[in-house]
Amino acid sequence: VQFELAEIDGQEGKTDIAIERYKKAIEIEDKYRRQFQMMYPGRKIFSRLGEEKYNFAKKQVEKLSK
């Protein structure tokens, strides 16, 4: 949800809000990945956000922060 809202905010020119939402989406994904690793050690990490969106969010934070 945070990722989708960040994209909408970005389209509407609300850069500061978009950055914060992308950061929140990344934070949620990072926490989920850590929890998954603890619960299922040795298994390939399953991503809720998806690798493509996760990487996109990271790039957007960097791009929009400049």
PDB file of N, CA and C in Angstrom:
ATOM      1  N   VAL A   1       0.834  -1.191   0.000  1.00  0.00           N
ATOM      2  CA  VAL A   1       0.000   0.000   0.000  1.00  0.00           C
ATOM      3  C   VAL A   1       0.880   1.257   0.000  1.00  0.00           C
ATOM      4  N   GLN A   2       1.918   1.254   0.821  1.00  0.00           N
ATOM      5  CA  GLN A   2       2.797   2.424   0.888  1.00  0.00           C
ATOM      6  C   GLN A   2       3.446   2.694  -0.468  1.00  0.00           C
ATOM      7  N   PHE A   3       3.832   1.627  -1.153  1.00  0.00           N
ATOM      8  CA  PHE A   3       4.457   1.771  -2.464  1.00  0.00           C
ATOM      9  C   PHE A   3       3.486   2.418  -3.450  1.00  0.00           C
ATOM     10  N   GLU A   4       2.262   1.928  -3.481  1.00  0.00           N
ATOM     11  CA  GLU A   4       1.255   2.454  -4.407  1.00  0.00           C
ATOM     12  C   GLU A   4       0.949   3.919  -4.087  1.00  0.00           C
ATOM     13  N   LEU A   5       0.839   4.249  -2.812  1.00  0.00           N
ATOM     14  CA  LEU A   5       0.584   5.640  -2.421  1.00  0.00           C
ATOM     15  C   LEU A   5       1.761   6.538  -2.788  1.00  0.00           C
ATOM     16  N   ALA A   6       2.971   6.020  -2.661  1.00  0.00           N
ATOM     17  CA  ALA A   6       4.165   6.791  -3.025  1.00  0.00           C
ATOM     18  C   ALA A   6       4.141   7.119  -4.512  1.00  0.00           C
ATOM     19  N   GLU A   7       3.746   6.163  -5.333  1.00  0.00           N
ATOM     20  CA  GLU A   7       3.681   6.419  -6.769  1.00  0.00           C
ATOM     21  C   GLU A   7       2.648   7.504  -7.085  1.00  0.00           C
ATOM     22  N   ILE A   8       1.517   7.450  -6.417  1.00  0.00           N
ATOM     23  CA  ILE A   8       0.479   8.464  -6.627  1.00  0.00           C
ATOM     24  C   ILE A   8       0.985   9.836  -6.190  1.00  0.00           C
ATOM     25  N   ASP A   9       1.609   9.882  -5.027  1.00  0.00           N
ATOM     26  CA  ASP A   9       2.153  11.153  -4.532  1.00  0.00           C
ATOM     27  C   ASP A   9       3.193  11.707  -5.495  1.00  0.00           C
ATOM     28  N   GLY A  10       4.029  10.842  -6.030  1.00  0.00           N
ATOM     29  CA  GLY A  10       5.037  11.273  -6.988  1.00  0.00           C
ATOM     30  C   GLY A  10       4.413  11.856  -8.242  1.00  0.00           C
ATOM     31  N   GLN A  11       3.359  11.235  -8.724  1.00  0.00           N
ATOM     32  CA  GLN A  11       2.666  11.717  -9.923  1.00  0.00           C
ATOM     33  C   GLN A  11       1.995  13.064  -9.668  1.00  0.00           C
ATOM     34  N   GLU A  12       1.592  13.280  -8.441  1.00  0.00           N
ATOM     35  CA  GLU A  12       0.924  14.538  -8.090  1.00  0.00           C
ATOM     36  C   GLU A  12       1.914  15.624  -7.679  1.00  0.00           C
ATOM     37  N   GLY A  13       3.194  15.326  -7.763  1.00  0.00           N
ATOM     38  CA  GLY A  13       4.209  16.315  -7.428  1.00  0.00           C
ATOM     39  C   GLY A  13       4.470  16.479  -5.943  1.00  0.00           C
ATOM     40  N   LYS A  14       3.971  15.564  -5.149  1.00  0.00           N
ATOM     41  CA  LYS A  14       4.177  15.620  -3.692  1.00  0.00           C
ATOM     42  C   LYS A  14       5.433  14.814  -3.347  1.00  0.00           C
ATOM     43  N   THR A  15       6.562  15.353  -3.737  1.00  0.00           N
ATOM     44  CA  THR A  15       7.836  14.653  -3.645  1.00  0.00           C
ATOM     45  C   THR A  15       8.193  14.253  -2.220  1.00  0.00           C
ATOM     46  N   ASP A  16       8.051  15.165  -1.277  1.00  0.00           N
ATOM     47  CA  ASP A  16       8.426  14.870   0.108  1.00  0.00           C
ATOM     48  C   ASP A  16       7.600  13.711   0.675  1.00  0.00           C
ATOM     49  N   ILE A  17       6.316  13.729   0.385  1.00  0.00           N
ATOM     50  CA  ILE A  17       5.444  12.653   0.870  1.00  0.00           C
ATOM     51  C   ILE A  17       5.793  11.349   0.176  1.00  0.00           C
ATOM     52  N   ALA A  18       6.060  11.412  -1.126  1.00  0.00           N
ATOM     53  CA  ALA A  18       6.431  10.215  -1.887  1.00  0.00           C
ATOM     54  C   ALA A  18       7.696   9.581  -1.313  1.00  0.00           C
ATOM     55  N   ILE A  19       8.680  10.402  -0.998  1.00  0.00           N
ATOM     56  CA  ILE A  19       9.936   9.889  -0.425  1.00  0.00           C
ATOM     57  C   ILE A  19       9.654   9.150   0.876  1.00  0.00           C
ATOM     58  N   GLU A  20       8.868   9.757   1.744  1.00  0.00           N
ATOM     59  CA  GLU A  20       8.563   9.125   3.031  1.00  0.00           C
ATOM     60  C   GLU A  20       7.799   7.819   2.852  1.00  0.00           C
ATOM     61  N   ARG A  21       6.894   7.774   1.900  1.00  0.00           N
ATOM     62  CA  ARG A  21       6.131   6.546   1.660  1.00  0.00           C
ATOM     63  C   ARG A  21       7.021   5.450   1.069  1.00  0.00           C
ATOM     64  N   TYR A  22       7.918   5.827   0.153  1.00  0.00           N
ATOM     65  CA  TYR A  22       8.860   4.839  -0.382  1.00  0.00           C
ATOM     66  C   TYR A  22       9.744   4.301   0.737  1.00  0.00           C
ATOM     67  N   LYS A  23      10.215   5.182   1.599  1.00  0.00           N
ATOM     68  CA  LYS A  23      11.045   4.753   2.727  1.00  0.00           C
ATOM     69  C   LYS A  23      10.282   3.796   3.633  1.00  0.00           C
ATOM     70  N   LYS A  24       9.015   4.090   3.870  1.00  0.00           N
ATOM     71  CA  LYS A  24       8.189   3.223   4.712  1.00  0.00           C
ATOM     72  C   LYS A  24       7.994   1.859   4.046  1.00  0.00           C
ATOM     73  N   ALA A  25       7.774   1.846   2.743  1.00  0.00           N
ATOM     74  CA  ALA A  25       7.623   0.585   2.010  1.00  0.00           C
ATOM     75  C   ALA A  25       8.896  -0.250   2.113  1.00  0.00           C
ATOM     76  N   ILE A  26      10.046   0.398   2.005  1.00  0.00           N
ATOM     77  CA  ILE A  26      11.339  -0.290   2.128  1.00  0.00           C
ATOM     78  C   ILE A  26      11.510  -0.819   3.542  1.00  0.00           C
ATOM     79  N   GLU A  27      11.181  -0.011   4.525  1.00  0.00           N
ATOM     80  CA  GLU A  27      11.287  -0.418   5.931  1.00  0.00           C
ATOM     81  C   GLU A  27      10.417  -1.648   6.216  1.00  0.00           C
ATOM     82  N   ILE A  28       9.186  -1.621   5.747  1.00  0.00           N
ATOM     83  CA  ILE A  28       8.282  -2.755   5.954  1.00  0.00           C
ATOM     84  C   ILE A  28       8.845  -4.004   5.291  1.00  0.00           C
ATOM     85  N   GLU A  29       9.331  -3.870   4.068  1.00  0.00           N
ATOM     86  CA  GLU A  29       9.894  -5.020   3.347  1.00  0.00           C
ATOM     87  C   GLU A  29      11.127  -5.565   4.061  1.00  0.00           C
ATOM     88  N   ASP A  30      12.008  -4.675   4.527  1.00  0.00           N
ATOM     89  CA  ASP A  30      13.214  -5.117   5.243  1.00  0.00           C
ATOM     90  C   ASP A  30      12.849  -5.887   6.511  1.00  0.00           C
ATOM     91  N   LYS A  31      11.873  -5.379   7.243  1.00  0.00           N
ATOM     92  CA  LYS A  31      11.437  -6.070   8.463  1.00  0.00           C
ATOM     93  C   LYS A  31      10.822  -7.427   8.132  1.00  0.00           C
ATOM     94  N   TYR A  32      10.029  -7.470   7.092  1.00  0.00           N
ATOM     95  CA  TYR A  32       9.421  -8.733   6.672  1.00  0.00           C
ATOM     96  C   TYR A  32      10.501  -9.743   6.298  1.00  0.00           C
ATOM     97  N   ARG A  33      11.515  -9.301   5.557  1.00  0.00           N
ATOM     98  CA  ARG A  33      12.599 -10.197   5.147  1.00  0.00           C
ATOM     99  C   ARG A  33      13.363 -10.741   6.354  1.00  0.00           C
ATOM    100  N   ARG A  34      13.629  -9.884   7.330  1.00  0.00           N
ATOM    101  CA  ARG A  34      14.330 -10.346   8.535  1.00  0.00           C
ATOM    102  C   ARG A  34      13.487 -11.380   9.286  1.00  0.00           C
ATOM    103  N   GLN A  35      12.204 -11.101   9.407  1.00  0.00           N
ATOM    104  CA  GLN A  35      11.306 -12.030  10.100  1.00  0.00           C
ATOM    105  C   GLN A  35      11.233 -13.358   9.346  1.00  0.00           C
ATOM    106  N   PHE A  36      11.150 -13.308   8.030  1.00  0.00           N
ATOM    107  CA  PHE A  36      11.093 -14.512   7.217  1.00  0.00           C
ATOM    108  C   PHE A  36      12.348 -15.352   7.435  1.00  0.00           C
ATOM    109  N   GLN A  37      13.513 -14.695   7.457  1.00  0.00           N
ATOM    110  CA  GLN A  37      14.780 -15.411   7.669  1.00  0.00           C
ATOM    111  C   GLN A  37      14.811 -16.095   9.027  1.00  0.00           C
ATOM    112  N   MET A  38      14.262 -15.436  10.041  1.00  0.00           N
ATOM    113  CA  MET A  38      14.243 -16.042  11.375  1.00  0.00           C
ATOM    114  C   MET A  38      13.300 -17.233  11.420  1.00  0.00           C
ATOM    115  N   MET A  39      12.166 -17.105  10.768  1.00  0.00           N
ATOM    116  CA  MET A  39      11.171 -18.166  10.800  1.00  0.00           C
ATOM    117  C   MET A  39      11.543 -19.353   9.903  1.00  0.00           C
ATOM    118  N   TYR A  40      12.204 -19.059   8.796  1.00  0.00           N
ATOM    119  CA  TYR A  40      12.539 -20.097   7.819  1.00  0.00           C
ATOM    120  C   TYR A  40      14.016 -20.015   7.430  1.00  0.00           C
ATOM    121  N   PRO A  41      14.909 -20.325   8.367  1.00  0.00           N
ATOM    122  CA  PRO A  41      16.344 -20.225   8.073  1.00  0.00           C
ATOM    123  C   PRO A  41      16.732 -21.149   6.913  1.00  0.00           C
ATOM    124  N   GLY A  42      17.576 -20.629   6.068  1.00  0.00           N
ATOM    125  CA  GLY A  42      18.078 -21.414   4.953  1.00  0.00           C
ATOM    126  C   GLY A  42      17.191 -21.396   3.721  1.00  0.00           C
ATOM    127  N   ARG A  43      16.008 -20.876   3.830  1.00  0.00           N
ATOM    128  CA  ARG A  43      15.116 -20.810   2.673  1.00  0.00           C
ATOM    129  C   ARG A  43      15.335 -19.518   1.903  1.00  0.00           C
ATOM    130  N   LYS A  44      15.033 -19.567   0.619  1.00  0.00           N
ATOM    131  CA  LYS A  44      15.106 -18.376  -0.207  1.00  0.00           C
ATOM    132  C   LYS A  44      14.037 -17.395   0.282  1.00  0.00           C
ATOM    133  N   ILE A  45      14.431 -16.141   0.402  1.00  0.00           N
ATOM    134  CA  ILE A  45      13.533 -15.128   0.937  1.00  0.00           C
ATOM    135  C   ILE A  45      12.383 -14.870  -0.034  1.00  0.00           C
ATOM    136  N   PHE A  46      11.203 -14.876   0.521  1.00  0.00           N
ATOM    137  CA  PHE A  46      10.002 -14.524  -0.226  1.00  0.00           C
ATOM    138  C   PHE A  46       9.728 -13.055   0.020  1.00  0.00           C
ATOM    139  N   SER A  47       9.530 -12.312  -1.037  1.00  0.00           N
ATOM    140  CA  SER A  47       9.305 -10.877  -0.919  1.00  0.00           C
ATOM    141  C   SER A  47       7.831 -10.549  -1.064  1.00  0.00           C
ATOM    142  N   ARG A  48       7.310  -9.760  -0.159  1.00  0.00           N
ATOM    143  CA  ARG A  48       5.914  -9.323  -0.255  1.00  0.00           C
ATOM    144  C   ARG A  48       5.782  -8.233  -1.315  1.00  0.00           C
ATOM    145  N   LEU A  49       6.758  -7.370  -1.397  1.00  0.00           N
ATOM    146  CA  LEU A  49       6.723  -6.253  -2.329  1.00  0.00           C
ATOM    147  C   LEU A  49       7.161  -6.679  -3.726  1.00  0.00           C
ATOM    148  N   GLY A  50       8.056  -7.618  -3.794  1.00  0.00           N
ATOM    149  CA  GLY A  50       8.624  -8.029  -5.073  1.00  0.00           C
ATOM    150  C   GLY A  50       9.953  -7.337  -5.284  1.00  0.00           C
ATOM    151  N   GLU A  51      10.890  -8.052  -5.830  1.00  0.00           N
ATOM    152  CA  GLU A  51      12.250  -7.528  -5.996  1.00  0.00           C
ATOM    153  C   GLU A  51      12.277  -6.283  -6.886  1.00  0.00           C
ATOM    154  N   GLU A  52      11.482  -6.295  -7.937  1.00  0.00           N
ATOM    155  CA  GLU A  52      11.474  -5.168  -8.869  1.00  0.00           C
ATOM    156  C   GLU A  52      10.965  -3.893  -8.198  1.00  0.00           C
ATOM    157  N   LYS A  53       9.864  -3.979  -7.497  1.00  0.00           N
ATOM    158  CA  LYS A  53       9.312  -2.807  -6.811  1.00  0.00           C
ATOM    159  C   LYS A  53      10.210  -2.364  -5.664  1.00  0.00           C
ATOM    160  N   TYR A  54      10.806  -3.332  -4.972  1.00  0.00           N
ATOM    161  CA  TYR A  54      11.715  -3.026  -3.865  1.00  0.00           C
ATOM    162  C   TYR A  54      12.900  -2.201  -4.364  1.00  0.00           C
ATOM    163  N   ASN A  55      13.515  -2.660  -5.441  1.00  0.00           N
ATOM    164  CA  ASN A  55      14.655  -1.932  -6.010  1.00  0.00           C
ATOM    165  C   ASN A  55      14.222  -0.585  -6.573  1.00  0.00           C
ATOM    166  N   PHE A  56      13.053  -0.536  -7.195  1.00  0.00           N
ATOM    167  CA  PHE A  56      12.531   0.715  -7.727  1.00  0.00           C
ATOM    168  C   PHE A  56      12.335   1.735  -6.603  1.00  0.00           C
ATOM    169  N   ALA A  57      11.768   1.288  -5.489  1.00  0.00           N
ATOM    170  CA  ALA A  57      11.536   2.187  -4.351  1.00  0.00           C
ATOM    171  C   ALA A  57      12.859   2.755  -3.840  1.00  0.00           C
ATOM    172  N   LYS A  58      13.872   1.915  -3.760  1.00  0.00           N
ATOM    173  CA  LYS A  58      15.185   2.400  -3.310  1.00  0.00           C
ATOM    174  C   LYS A  58      15.748   3.444  -4.262  1.00  0.00           C
ATOM    175  N   LYS A  59      15.608   3.187  -5.552  1.00  0.00           N
ATOM    176  CA  LYS A  59      16.103   4.139  -6.554  1.00  0.00           C
ATOM    177  C   LYS A  59      15.317   5.449  -6.510  1.00  0.00           C
ATOM    178  N   GLN A  60      14.014   5.351  -6.293  1.00  0.00           N
ATOM    179  CA  GLN A  60      13.185   6.554  -6.231  1.00  0.00           C
ATOM    180  C   GLN A  60      13.557   7.419  -5.032  1.00  0.00           C
ATOM    181  N   VAL A  61      13.826   6.809  -3.897  1.00  0.00           N
ATOM    182  CA  VAL A  61      14.240   7.580  -2.725  1.00  0.00           C
ATOM    183  C   VAL A  61      15.505   8.340  -3.035  1.00  0.00           C
ATOM    184  N   GLU A  62      16.465   7.666  -3.670  1.00  0.00           N
ATOM    185  CA  GLU A  62      17.727   8.313  -4.009  1.00  0.00           C
ATOM    186  C   GLU A  62      17.499   9.446  -5.033  1.00  0.00           C
ATOM    187  N   LYS A  63      16.721   9.151  -6.054  1.00  0.00           N
ATOM    188  CA  LYS A  63      16.457  10.126  -7.129  1.00  0.00           C
ATOM    189  C   LYS A  63      15.694  11.347  -6.620  1.00  0.00           C
ATOM    190  N   LEU A  64      14.628  11.115  -5.869  1.00  0.00           N
ATOM    191  CA  LEU A  64      13.781  12.215  -5.403  1.00  0.00           C
ATOM    192  C   LEU A  64      14.425  13.035  -4.299  1.00  0.00           C
ATOM    193  N   SER A  65      15.396  12.453  -3.613  1.00  0.00           N
ATOM    194  CA  SER A  65      16.058  13.157  -2.512  1.00  0.00           C
ATOM    195  C   SER A  65      17.080  14.177  -3.002  1.00  0.00           C
ATOM    196  N   LYS A  66      17.424  14.104  -4.268  1.00  0.00           N
ATOM    197  CA  LYS A  66      18.444  15.043  -4.803  1.00  0.00           C
ATOM    198  C   LYS A  66      17.872  16.398  -5.083  1.00  0.00           C
TER     199      LYS A  66
END
